[in-house]
Amino acid sequence: MFIFARVSNWTDWRIIVPLAMLASLIFLLSLLIGHFIAQPLADLREKIRLYRTGDTTIDFSPQGSLQEADDLAGDFKDLLDSSYAQAADLARQEKQQLQFVGDVAHELRTPLTAIHGNAELLADPDLPPEMREKFGHTVVTESERLTRLVNDLLSLQHIEGDSYVLNFTRVDLRPVAQEAVDALAPVLQERGAHCVVIGEAPDVLGNRDRLKQVVSNLVDNASRFIEPGGHIRVELYGVGGNSIIAVKDDGTGFGDVDPKMLFERFFRTDFSRARNTGGSGLGLSIVKSVVEAHDGTVEAYNLPEGGACFIVAIPSMGA
């Protein structure tokens, strides 16, 4: 009986000891594995905490210690990059809006000041007739300028609005261009500008009224940059699947100004006399917005022989 008990105890120890060693080994391995898994996550958590306190220099690039942690860090880095981009875009939009409001206020103040000042002078009962006529003419001129500015602002807001939808039909550009030039005949005659429409272009899918506005704005702009007796050409043709409207003048051009800046709202340059001749400073911005609404492009460059050229390219329709 005693011998059997010793054998049984010995057998139990032979089983218990290995099991205990195995359990200890498993426990140690679990600690190591837990540390291997938890440490990268803890490091990532600490980086996130530091970032939230304002330290934007934290490096979230993968460290290579744990694939899942690297994936999580990569996703978080992508989220940060997206957040940075959105924040930068919002800041840019806010800056543009503030700049636009400031520009509008400046442009409105000039004619309003002129109208107010001349109206006060007209209130003088002893004002000589010739001076009354002069001041009255200034009031009318500045009122017309103010009206054009407001109309252009409304037009630009409408074109660039989220709910803006153009009704497109098949458009023959030749009569559109000719009608735009004919409508400007009194203005062109007053400025001593000669304008002709030449060539033909393939039909486009577009909005007839807005395309007419494009030609009108480009011709009106050109007429402000040429001397009396100058010439403007509206050339129509097709190339590379696009219908082209090219407006050329023999004026002074725009010098070394970046052509892209010409289409910015209220862009000012020493070469621009538009404000002095009644322009709103929005005509070319409207051109750009309308053309882009037609999936087209507009570019400008100085002609070698002098003058400027504005090229509008709109996808042509099939026959």
Protein backbone atom coordinates (compact mmCIF):
# COMPACT_ATOMS: atom_id res chain seq x y z
CA MET A 1 0.00 0.00 0.00
CA PHE A 2 2.81 2.45 0.93
CA ILE A 3 4.75 1.48 -2.16
CA PHE A 4 1.68 2.18 -4.33
CA ALA A 5 1.28 5.65 -2.77
CA ARG A 6 4.90 6.55 -3.45
CA VAL A 7 4.59 5.44 -7.03
CA SER A 8 1.38 7.44 -7.40
CA ASN A 9 2.96 10.58 -5.91
CA TRP A 10 6.00 10.20 -8.10
CA THR A 11 3.78 9.85 -11.13
CA ASP A 12 1.82 12.97 -10.12
CA TRP A 13 5.01 15.01 -9.80
CA ARG A 14 6.24 13.80 -13.15
CA ILE A 15 3.03 15.21 -14.64
CA ILE A 16 2.65 18.32 -12.50
CA VAL A 17 6.19 19.65 -12.93
CA PRO A 18 6.16 19.66 -16.74
CA LEU A 19 2.67 21.14 -16.70
CA ALA A 20 3.81 23.86 -14.33
CA MET A 21 6.84 24.59 -16.49
CA LEU A 22 4.66 24.66 -19.58
CA ALA A 23 2.22 27.00 -17.89
CA SER A 24 5.06 29.29 -16.85
CA LEU A 25 6.44 29.27 -20.37
CA ILE A 26 3.02 30.07 -21.80
CA PHE A 27 2.64 32.89 -19.28
CA LEU A 28 6.03 34.35 -20.20
CA LEU A 29 5.29 34.03 -23.90
CA SER A 30 1.94 35.75 -23.40
CA LEU A 31 3.68 38.60 -21.63
CA LEU A 32 6.21 38.92 -24.43
CA ILE A 33 3.57 38.71 -27.14
CA GLY A 34 1.34 41.12 -25.25
CA HIS A 35 4.21 43.56 -24.94
CA PHE A 36 5.08 43.09 -28.63
CA ILE A 37 1.49 43.88 -29.60
CA ALA A 38 0.70 46.50 -26.99
CA GLN A 39 3.87 48.56 -27.16
CA PRO A 40 3.44 49.78 -30.78
CA LEU A 41 -0.18 50.60 -30.01
CA ALA A 42 0.86 52.40 -26.85
CA ASP A 43 3.47 54.33 -28.83
CA LEU A 44 0.86 55.28 -31.40
CA ARG A 45 -1.54 56.33 -28.65
CA GLU A 46 1.17 58.54 -27.14
CA LYS A 47 1.86 60.13 -30.53
CA ILE A 48 -1.84 60.88 -30.94
CA ARG A 49 -1.93 62.40 -27.45
CA LEU A 50 1.05 64.62 -28.23
CA TYR A 51 -0.48 65.64 -31.54
CA ARG A 52 -3.71 66.64 -29.80
CA THR A 53 -1.72 68.90 -27.48
CA GLY A 54 -0.49 70.84 -30.51
CA ASP A 55 2.74 69.08 -31.50
CA THR A 56 2.26 68.79 -35.27
CA THR A 57 5.85 67.56 -35.81
CA ILE A 58 4.96 64.03 -34.70
CA ASP A 59 6.04 61.38 -37.20
CA PHE A 60 3.24 58.89 -37.92
CA SER A 61 5.16 56.92 -40.52
CA PRO A 62 5.13 53.10 -40.07
CA GLN A 63 7.78 51.75 -37.67
CA GLY A 64 7.82 48.12 -38.86
CA SER A 65 7.37 46.51 -35.44
CA LEU A 66 3.76 45.37 -35.94
CA GLN A 67 1.90 45.27 -39.23
CA GLU A 68 -1.48 46.09 -37.68
CA ALA A 69 -0.02 49.08 -35.83
CA ASP A 70 1.71 50.22 -39.02
CA ASP A 71 -1.57 49.94 -40.91
CA LEU A 72 -3.36 51.92 -38.22
CA ALA A 73 -0.61 54.56 -38.24
CA GLY A 74 -0.81 54.76 -42.03
CA ASP A 75 -4.58 55.23 -41.92
CA PHE A 76 -4.22 57.90 -39.26
CA LYS A 77 -1.53 59.66 -41.30
CA ASP A 78 -3.84 59.63 -44.35
CA LEU A 79 -6.58 61.09 -42.17
CA LEU A 80 -4.21 63.81 -40.97
CA ASP A 81 -3.11 64.63 -44.51
CA SER A 82 -6.74 64.88 -45.57
CA SER A 83 -7.53 67.10 -42.60
CA TYR A 84 -4.56 69.34 -43.38
CA ALA A 85 -5.67 69.62 -47.01
CA GLN A 86 -9.26 70.45 -46.02
CA ALA A 87 -8.09 73.02 -43.48
CA ALA A 88 -5.78 74.61 -46.04
CA ASP A 89 -8.58 74.67 -48.62
CA LEU A 90 -11.00 76.26 -46.15
CA ALA A 91 -8.39 78.85 -45.20
CA ARG A 92 -7.78 79.60 -48.88
CA GLN A 93 -11.50 79.96 -49.56
CA GLU A 94 -11.95 82.23 -46.56
CA LYS A 95 -9.01 84.37 -47.70
CA GLN A 96 -10.46 84.58 -51.21
CA GLN A 97 -13.88 85.55 -49.86
CA LEU A 98 -12.39 88.26 -47.66
CA GLN A 99 -10.31 89.51 -50.60
CA PHE A 100 -13.38 89.50 -52.82
CA VAL A 101 -15.46 91.43 -50.28
CA GLY A 102 -12.64 93.94 -49.90
CA ASP A 103 -12.28 94.33 -53.66
CA VAL A 104 -16.03 94.78 -54.11
CA ALA A 105 -16.11 97.41 -51.36
CA HIS A 106 -13.23 99.25 -53.02
CA GLU A 107 -14.83 99.12 -56.47
CA LEU A 108 -18.19 100.29 -55.11
CA ARG A 109 -16.68 103.09 -53.06
CA THR A 110 -15.11 104.85 -56.06
CA PRO A 111 -18.28 105.49 -58.10
CA LEU A 112 -20.36 106.11 -54.99
CA THR A 113 -17.89 108.74 -53.82
CA ALA A 114 -17.96 110.40 -57.23
CA ILE A 115 -21.77 110.36 -57.35
CA HIS A 116 -22.07 111.75 -53.83
CA GLY A 117 -19.51 114.49 -54.39
CA ASN A 118 -20.97 115.65 -57.70
CA ALA A 119 -24.52 115.47 -56.34
CA GLU A 120 -23.54 117.84 -53.52
CA LEU A 121 -22.08 120.25 -56.06
CA LEU A 122 -25.26 120.07 -58.12
CA ALA A 123 -27.25 121.12 -55.06
CA ASP A 124 -25.66 124.57 -55.25
CA PRO A 125 -28.35 126.89 -56.72
CA ASP A 126 -25.71 129.33 -57.96
CA LEU A 127 -23.83 126.70 -59.96
CA PRO A 128 -23.15 127.89 -63.55
CA PRO A 129 -25.01 125.93 -66.27
CA GLU A 130 -21.83 124.58 -67.88
CA MET A 131 -20.61 123.24 -64.51
CA ARG A 132 -24.04 121.78 -63.77
CA GLU A 133 -23.89 119.92 -67.08
CA LYS A 134 -20.37 118.68 -66.33
CA PHE A 135 -21.21 117.42 -62.84
CA GLY A 136 -24.48 115.93 -64.06
CA HIS A 137 -22.62 114.02 -66.77
CA THR A 138 -20.23 112.63 -64.15
CA VAL A 139 -23.15 111.45 -62.01
CA VAL A 140 -24.69 109.66 -65.00
CA THR A 141 -21.37 108.10 -66.04
CA GLU A 142 -20.54 106.83 -62.56
CA SER A 143 -24.11 105.55 -62.11
CA GLU A 144 -23.76 103.54 -65.32
CA ARG A 145 -20.43 102.20 -64.12
CA LEU A 146 -21.98 101.22 -60.80
CA THR A 147 -24.83 99.48 -62.61
CA ARG A 148 -22.40 97.50 -64.77
CA LEU A 149 -20.43 96.46 -61.71
CA VAL A 150 -23.52 95.25 -59.85
CA ASN A 151 -24.80 93.41 -62.93
CA ASP A 152 -21.44 91.72 -63.43
CA LEU A 153 -21.32 90.73 -59.76
CA LEU A 154 -24.78 89.19 -60.00
CA SER A 155 -23.85 87.45 -63.25
CA LEU A 156 -20.67 86.00 -61.77
CA GLN A 157 -22.48 84.88 -58.62
CA HIS A 158 -25.14 83.22 -60.74
CA ILE A 159 -22.65 81.44 -63.00
CA GLU A 160 -20.51 80.16 -60.14
CA GLY A 161 -23.46 79.23 -57.90
CA ASP A 162 -23.94 75.60 -56.86
CA SER A 163 -27.47 75.54 -58.29
CA TYR A 164 -26.47 77.07 -61.63
CA VAL A 165 -27.53 74.91 -64.58
CA LEU A 166 -26.97 75.92 -68.20
CA ASN A 167 -29.47 74.90 -70.85
CA PHE A 168 -27.39 73.58 -73.73
CA THR A 169 -28.42 73.40 -77.37
CA ARG A 170 -26.57 73.15 -80.66
CA VAL A 171 -24.96 76.54 -81.28
CA ASP A 172 -23.53 78.00 -84.47
CA LEU A 173 -20.78 80.34 -83.29
CA ARG A 174 -20.70 82.56 -86.38
CA PRO A 175 -24.06 84.33 -85.85
CA VAL A 176 -23.43 84.42 -82.09
CA ALA A 177 -20.13 86.25 -82.59
CA GLN A 178 -21.60 88.61 -85.18
CA GLU A 179 -24.55 89.51 -82.96
CA ALA A 180 -22.20 90.25 -80.06
CA VAL A 181 -20.09 92.56 -82.23
CA ASP A 182 -23.16 94.27 -83.73
CA ALA A 183 -24.57 94.93 -80.25
CA LEU A 184 -21.30 96.67 -79.32
CA ALA A 185 -21.27 98.84 -82.45
CA PRO A 186 -22.13 102.12 -80.63
CA VAL A 187 -19.45 101.49 -78.01
CA LEU A 188 -16.85 100.50 -80.60
CA GLN A 189 -17.66 103.57 -82.67
CA GLU A 190 -17.30 105.82 -79.63
CA ARG A 191 -13.88 104.34 -78.91
CA GLY A 192 -12.81 104.46 -82.54
CA ALA A 193 -12.36 100.68 -82.74
CA HIS A 194 -12.95 98.60 -85.86
CA CYS A 195 -14.05 94.98 -85.34
CA VAL A 196 -14.63 92.17 -87.86
CA VAL A 197 -15.70 88.54 -87.54
CA ILE A 198 -14.02 86.09 -89.90
CA GLY A 199 -14.03 82.33 -90.42
CA GLU A 200 -16.30 79.50 -89.34
CA ALA A 201 -16.12 77.05 -86.46
CA PRO A 202 -17.85 73.71 -85.91
CA ASP A 203 -21.06 73.88 -83.90
CA VAL A 204 -20.82 73.41 -80.15
CA LEU A 205 -23.16 72.16 -77.45
CA GLY A 206 -23.64 75.24 -75.33
CA ASN A 207 -25.75 78.09 -74.04
CA ARG A 208 -26.20 80.65 -76.79
CA ASP A 209 -26.67 83.68 -74.54
CA ARG A 210 -23.63 82.90 -72.38
CA LEU A 211 -21.42 82.27 -75.41
CA LYS A 212 -22.55 85.59 -76.81
CA GLN A 213 -21.54 87.13 -73.48
CA VAL A 214 -18.09 85.57 -73.84
CA VAL A 215 -17.54 87.19 -77.24
CA SER A 216 -19.01 90.49 -76.05
CA ASN A 217 -16.76 90.65 -72.98
CA LEU A 218 -13.63 89.78 -74.95
CA VAL A 219 -14.33 92.34 -77.68
CA ASP A 220 -15.27 94.99 -75.12
CA ASN A 221 -12.05 94.27 -73.22
CA ALA A 222 -9.97 94.51 -76.40
CA SER A 223 -11.54 97.85 -77.32
CA ARG A 224 -10.25 99.33 -74.05
CA PHE A 225 -6.63 98.50 -74.87
CA ILE A 226 -6.30 99.92 -78.37
CA GLU A 227 -5.79 103.43 -79.63
CA PRO A 228 -8.53 105.20 -81.63
CA GLY A 229 -8.53 103.68 -85.10
CA GLY A 230 -7.33 100.32 -83.76
CA HIS A 231 -8.56 96.97 -85.00
CA ILE A 232 -10.10 93.88 -83.40
CA ARG A 233 -10.48 90.52 -85.14
CA VAL A 234 -12.81 87.75 -83.99
CA GLU A 235 -11.51 84.62 -85.70
CA LEU A 236 -13.52 81.38 -85.73
CA TYR A 237 -12.08 77.99 -86.67
CA GLY A 238 -11.84 74.39 -85.58
CA VAL A 239 -8.78 72.46 -84.45
CA GLY A 240 -8.17 69.20 -82.61
CA GLY A 241 -11.85 68.52 -81.90
CA ASN A 242 -12.40 72.02 -80.49
CA SER A 243 -14.19 75.08 -81.79
CA ILE A 244 -12.02 78.15 -81.38
CA ILE A 245 -12.96 81.77 -80.74
CA ALA A 246 -9.85 83.95 -81.05
CA VAL A 247 -10.13 87.66 -80.25
CA LYS A 248 -7.07 89.65 -81.36
CA ASP A 249 -6.29 93.35 -81.13
CA ASP A 250 -3.45 95.61 -82.26
CA GLY A 251 -3.08 97.42 -78.96
CA THR A 252 -0.20 97.38 -76.49
CA GLY A 253 -0.80 93.89 -75.11
CA PHE A 254 -0.39 93.14 -71.43
CA GLY A 255 3.39 93.11 -71.14
CA ASP A 256 5.05 90.58 -68.85
CA VAL A 257 1.95 90.07 -66.69
CA ASP A 258 1.11 86.42 -65.98
CA PRO A 259 -1.76 85.70 -68.43
CA LYS A 260 -3.59 83.64 -65.80
CA MET A 261 -3.83 86.70 -63.57
CA LEU A 262 -5.86 88.53 -66.22
CA PHE A 263 -8.84 86.31 -65.38
CA GLU A 264 -8.72 87.02 -61.65
CA ARG A 265 -11.46 89.22 -60.25
CA PHE A 266 -10.51 92.90 -60.06
CA PHE A 267 -6.94 92.13 -61.09
CA ARG A 268 -5.01 95.37 -61.39
CA THR A 269 -2.01 95.99 -63.61
CA ASP A 270 -0.24 99.01 -65.03
CA PHE A 271 -1.37 97.81 -68.44
CA SER A 272 -5.03 97.75 -67.43
CA ARG A 273 -7.00 100.88 -68.18
CA ALA A 274 -10.35 99.14 -67.87
CA ARG A 275 -11.31 100.86 -64.64
CA ASN A 276 -10.59 104.26 -66.16
CA THR A 277 -12.88 103.54 -69.09
CA GLY A 278 -15.85 102.21 -67.16
CA GLY A 279 -15.00 98.52 -66.87
CA SER A 280 -16.08 96.54 -63.83
CA GLY A 281 -12.93 94.43 -63.59
CA LEU A 282 -15.04 91.27 -63.80
CA GLY A 283 -15.49 90.79 -67.55
CA LEU A 284 -12.65 88.32 -68.04
CA SER A 285 -13.56 86.45 -64.84
CA ILE A 286 -17.03 85.94 -66.27
CA VAL A 287 -15.50 84.73 -69.54
CA LYS A 288 -13.43 82.14 -67.68
CA SER A 289 -16.40 80.91 -65.62
CA VAL A 290 -18.69 80.58 -68.66
CA VAL A 291 -16.05 78.81 -70.76
CA GLU A 292 -15.26 76.35 -67.98
CA ALA A 293 -18.99 75.66 -67.60
CA HIS A 294 -18.80 74.51 -71.25
CA ASP A 295 -15.83 72.21 -70.44
CA GLY A 296 -13.63 74.60 -72.38
CA THR A 297 -10.49 76.60 -71.79
CA VAL A 298 -9.45 80.21 -72.26
CA GLU A 299 -5.89 81.48 -72.61
CA ALA A 300 -4.19 84.77 -73.39
CA TYR A 301 -0.87 85.74 -74.89
CA ASN A 302 0.88 88.73 -76.41
CA LEU A 303 1.09 88.81 -80.20
CA PRO A 304 4.61 89.12 -81.68
CA GLU A 305 3.52 92.04 -83.83
CA GLY A 306 1.90 93.76 -80.85
CA GLY A 307 -1.46 93.48 -79.19
CA ALA A 308 -3.11 90.66 -77.30
CA CYS A 309 -4.89 87.46 -78.26
CA PHE A 310 -7.49 85.59 -76.22
CA ILE A 311 -8.17 82.00 -77.29
CA VAL A 312 -11.39 80.23 -76.25
CA ALA A 313 -11.55 76.49 -77.00
CA ILE A 314 -14.83 74.59 -76.59
CA PRO A 315 -15.40 70.93 -77.55
CA SER A 316 -17.00 70.68 -80.99
CA MET A 317 -20.14 68.69 -81.76
CA GLY A 318 -20.18 65.97 -84.37
CA ALA A 319 -21.73 66.58 -87.75
